[in-house]
Amino acid sequence: MTVMKCKYSDEYIERTVRHYGRMAAEIDQLRIANTIYKCQVERLEKKLLSLGIDPTHWQSFPC
């Protein structure tokens, strides 16, 4: 069996791994923020419904 030589340097591989590691961390943070945002939207919708305002119809919002 022949061993294939990697065409990328160790430094390049390390930089790439760090870069994608940072991107993965940012994606996780965005997922958490999105979950929090969805919870806030749900709470606001429930609050509006309790006030008799349908959040799906903008016409029902008092001016």
N, C-alpha and C. Protein backbone atom coordinates (compact mmCIF):
# COMPACT_ATOMS: atom_id res chain seq x y z
N MET A 1 0.84 -1.18 0.00
CA MET A 1 0.00 0.00 0.00
C MET A 1 0.89 1.25 0.00
N THR A 2 0.57 2.20 -0.85
CA THR A 2 1.37 3.41 -0.92
C THR A 2 0.75 4.49 -0.05
N VAL A 3 1.61 5.26 0.58
CA VAL A 3 1.16 6.36 1.43
C VAL A 3 1.11 7.61 0.56
N MET A 4 -0.05 8.25 0.54
CA MET A 4 -0.19 9.47 -0.27
C MET A 4 0.38 10.65 0.50
N LYS A 5 1.11 11.48 -0.19
CA LYS A 5 1.67 12.68 0.43
C LYS A 5 0.60 13.78 0.42
N CYS A 6 0.43 14.41 1.55
CA CYS A 6 -0.55 15.49 1.66
C CYS A 6 -0.01 16.72 0.92
N LYS A 7 -0.85 17.34 0.10
CA LYS A 7 -0.37 18.48 -0.67
C LYS A 7 -0.46 19.80 0.11
N TYR A 8 -1.01 19.75 1.33
CA TYR A 8 -1.13 20.96 2.14
C TYR A 8 -0.12 20.94 3.28
N SER A 9 0.40 22.12 3.61
CA SER A 9 1.37 22.20 4.71
C SER A 9 0.65 22.07 6.04
N ASP A 10 1.39 21.69 7.07
CA ASP A 10 0.81 21.58 8.41
C ASP A 10 0.25 22.92 8.85
N GLU A 11 0.96 24.01 8.52
CA GLU A 11 0.50 25.35 8.91
C GLU A 11 -0.84 25.67 8.26
N TYR A 12 -0.98 25.35 6.98
CA TYR A 12 -2.24 25.60 6.27
C TYR A 12 -3.38 24.81 6.90
N ILE A 13 -3.11 23.56 7.21
CA ILE A 13 -4.14 22.71 7.82
C ILE A 13 -4.55 23.27 9.17
N GLU A 14 -3.58 23.69 9.99
CA GLU A 14 -3.89 24.26 11.32
C GLU A 14 -4.72 25.53 11.19
N ARG A 15 -4.32 26.42 10.27
CA ARG A 15 -5.07 27.66 10.06
C ARG A 15 -6.50 27.37 9.61
N THR A 16 -6.66 26.41 8.70
CA THR A 16 -7.99 26.05 8.20
C THR A 16 -8.86 25.48 9.31
N VAL A 17 -8.27 24.62 10.13
CA VAL A 17 -9.02 24.03 11.24
C VAL A 17 -9.46 25.12 12.22
N ARG A 18 -8.55 26.06 12.52
CA ARG A 18 -8.92 27.17 13.43
C ARG A 18 -10.02 28.02 12.82
N HIS A 19 -9.88 28.30 11.52
CA HIS A 19 -10.88 29.13 10.84
C HIS A 19 -12.27 28.48 10.90
N TYR A 20 -12.34 27.21 10.54
CA TYR A 20 -13.64 26.54 10.56
C TYR A 20 -14.13 26.31 11.97
N GLY A 21 -13.21 26.19 12.92
CA GLY A 21 -13.61 26.10 14.32
C GLY A 21 -14.29 27.37 14.77
N ARG A 22 -13.73 28.53 14.37
CA ARG A 22 -14.35 29.82 14.71
C ARG A 22 -15.71 29.95 14.03
N MET A 23 -15.78 29.53 12.77
CA MET A 23 -17.06 29.60 12.05
C MET A 23 -18.10 28.72 12.73
N ALA A 24 -17.70 27.53 13.18
CA ALA A 24 -18.64 26.63 13.86
C ALA A 24 -19.13 27.27 15.15
N ALA A 25 -18.23 27.94 15.88
CA ALA A 25 -18.62 28.60 17.12
C ALA A 25 -19.61 29.73 16.83
N GLU A 26 -19.36 30.49 15.77
CA GLU A 26 -20.27 31.57 15.41
C GLU A 26 -21.64 31.02 15.01
N ILE A 27 -21.65 29.90 14.29
CA ILE A 27 -22.92 29.28 13.91
C ILE A 27 -23.69 28.83 15.15
N ASP A 28 -22.97 28.25 16.12
CA ASP A 28 -23.63 27.84 17.37
C ASP A 28 -24.22 29.05 18.08
N GLN A 29 -23.47 30.16 18.11
CA GLN A 29 -23.98 31.37 18.76
C GLN A 29 -25.22 31.89 18.05
N LEU A 30 -25.22 31.83 16.71
CA LEU A 30 -26.39 32.27 15.95
C LEU A 30 -27.59 31.38 16.21
N ARG A 31 -27.35 30.08 16.34
CA ARG A 31 -28.45 29.15 16.64
C ARG A 31 -29.06 29.48 18.00
N ILE A 32 -28.21 29.74 18.98
CA ILE A 32 -28.70 30.09 20.32
C ILE A 32 -29.48 31.39 20.27
N ALA A 33 -28.94 32.39 19.56
CA ALA A 33 -29.63 33.69 19.45
C ALA A 33 -30.96 33.51 18.74
N ASN A 34 -31.00 32.67 17.71
CA ASN A 34 -32.24 32.42 16.98
C ASN A 34 -33.28 31.77 17.89
N THR A 35 -32.85 30.83 18.72
CA THR A 35 -33.76 30.16 19.65
C THR A 35 -34.33 31.18 20.64
N ILE A 36 -33.47 32.05 21.17
CA ILE A 36 -33.93 33.08 22.11
C ILE A 36 -34.91 34.01 21.41
N TYR A 37 -34.60 34.40 20.18
CA TYR A 37 -35.48 35.29 19.42
C TYR A 37 -36.85 34.64 19.22
N LYS A 38 -36.86 33.36 18.85
CA LYS A 38 -38.14 32.67 18.64
C LYS A 38 -38.96 32.65 19.92
N CYS A 39 -38.30 32.44 21.06
CA CYS A 39 -39.01 32.45 22.34
C CYS A 39 -39.60 33.83 22.61
N GLN A 40 -38.84 34.87 22.32
CA GLN A 40 -39.33 36.23 22.53
C GLN A 40 -40.53 36.52 21.64
N VAL A 41 -40.47 36.07 20.39
CA VAL A 41 -41.59 36.28 19.46
C VAL A 41 -42.83 35.55 19.97
N GLU A 42 -42.65 34.30 20.43
CA GLU A 42 -43.79 33.54 20.94
C GLU A 42 -44.42 34.24 22.14
N ARG A 43 -43.59 34.76 23.04
CA ARG A 43 -44.11 35.47 24.22
C ARG A 43 -44.87 36.72 23.81
N LEU A 44 -44.31 37.46 22.84
CA LEU A 44 -44.98 38.67 22.37
C LEU A 44 -46.32 38.33 21.71
N GLU A 45 -46.34 37.27 20.91
CA GLU A 45 -47.59 36.86 20.27
C GLU A 45 -48.63 36.48 21.31
N LYS A 46 -48.22 35.76 22.35
CA LYS A 46 -49.16 35.38 23.41
C LYS A 46 -49.68 36.61 24.12
N LYS A 47 -48.79 37.58 24.37
CA LYS A 47 -49.19 38.82 25.05
C LYS A 47 -50.21 39.57 24.19
N LEU A 48 -49.93 39.67 22.88
CA LEU A 48 -50.86 40.37 21.98
C LEU A 48 -52.21 39.66 21.95
N LEU A 49 -52.19 38.32 21.87
CA LEU A 49 -53.45 37.57 21.86
C LEU A 49 -54.23 37.79 23.15
N SER A 50 -53.51 37.87 24.28
CA SER A 50 -54.20 38.10 25.56
C SER A 50 -54.83 39.50 25.60
N LEU A 51 -54.31 40.41 24.79
CA LEU A 51 -54.88 41.76 24.70
C LEU A 51 -55.95 41.85 23.61
N GLY A 52 -56.24 40.72 22.96
CA GLY A 52 -57.26 40.71 21.92
C GLY A 52 -56.75 41.16 20.56
N ILE A 53 -55.43 41.16 20.38
CA ILE A 53 -54.85 41.58 19.10
C ILE A 53 -54.30 40.34 18.41
N ASP A 54 -54.71 40.14 17.16
CA ASP A 54 -54.22 39.01 16.38
C ASP A 54 -52.88 39.40 15.75
N PRO A 55 -51.76 38.80 16.18
CA PRO A 55 -50.45 39.20 15.65
C PRO A 55 -50.24 38.82 14.19
N THR A 56 -51.11 38.01 13.62
CA THR A 56 -50.94 37.61 12.22
C THR A 56 -51.62 38.60 11.27
N HIS A 57 -52.44 39.50 11.81
CA HIS A 57 -53.12 40.49 10.96
C HIS A 57 -52.74 41.89 11.41
N TRP A 58 -51.93 42.55 10.59
CA TRP A 58 -51.48 43.89 10.96
C TRP A 58 -52.63 44.87 11.05
N GLN A 59 -53.73 44.63 10.33
CA GLN A 59 -54.87 45.55 10.36
C GLN A 59 -55.49 45.62 11.75
N SER A 60 -55.28 44.57 12.56
CA SER A 60 -55.90 44.58 13.87
C SER A 60 -55.09 45.35 14.90
N PHE A 61 -53.92 45.86 14.49
CA PHE A 61 -53.10 46.64 15.43
C PHE A 61 -53.72 48.02 15.60
N PRO A 62 -53.89 48.46 16.84
CA PRO A 62 -54.43 49.80 17.03
C PRO A 62 -53.41 50.87 16.62
N CYS A 63 -53.88 51.92 16.01
CA CYS A 63 -52.98 53.00 15.57
C CYS A 63 -52.86 54.07 16.64
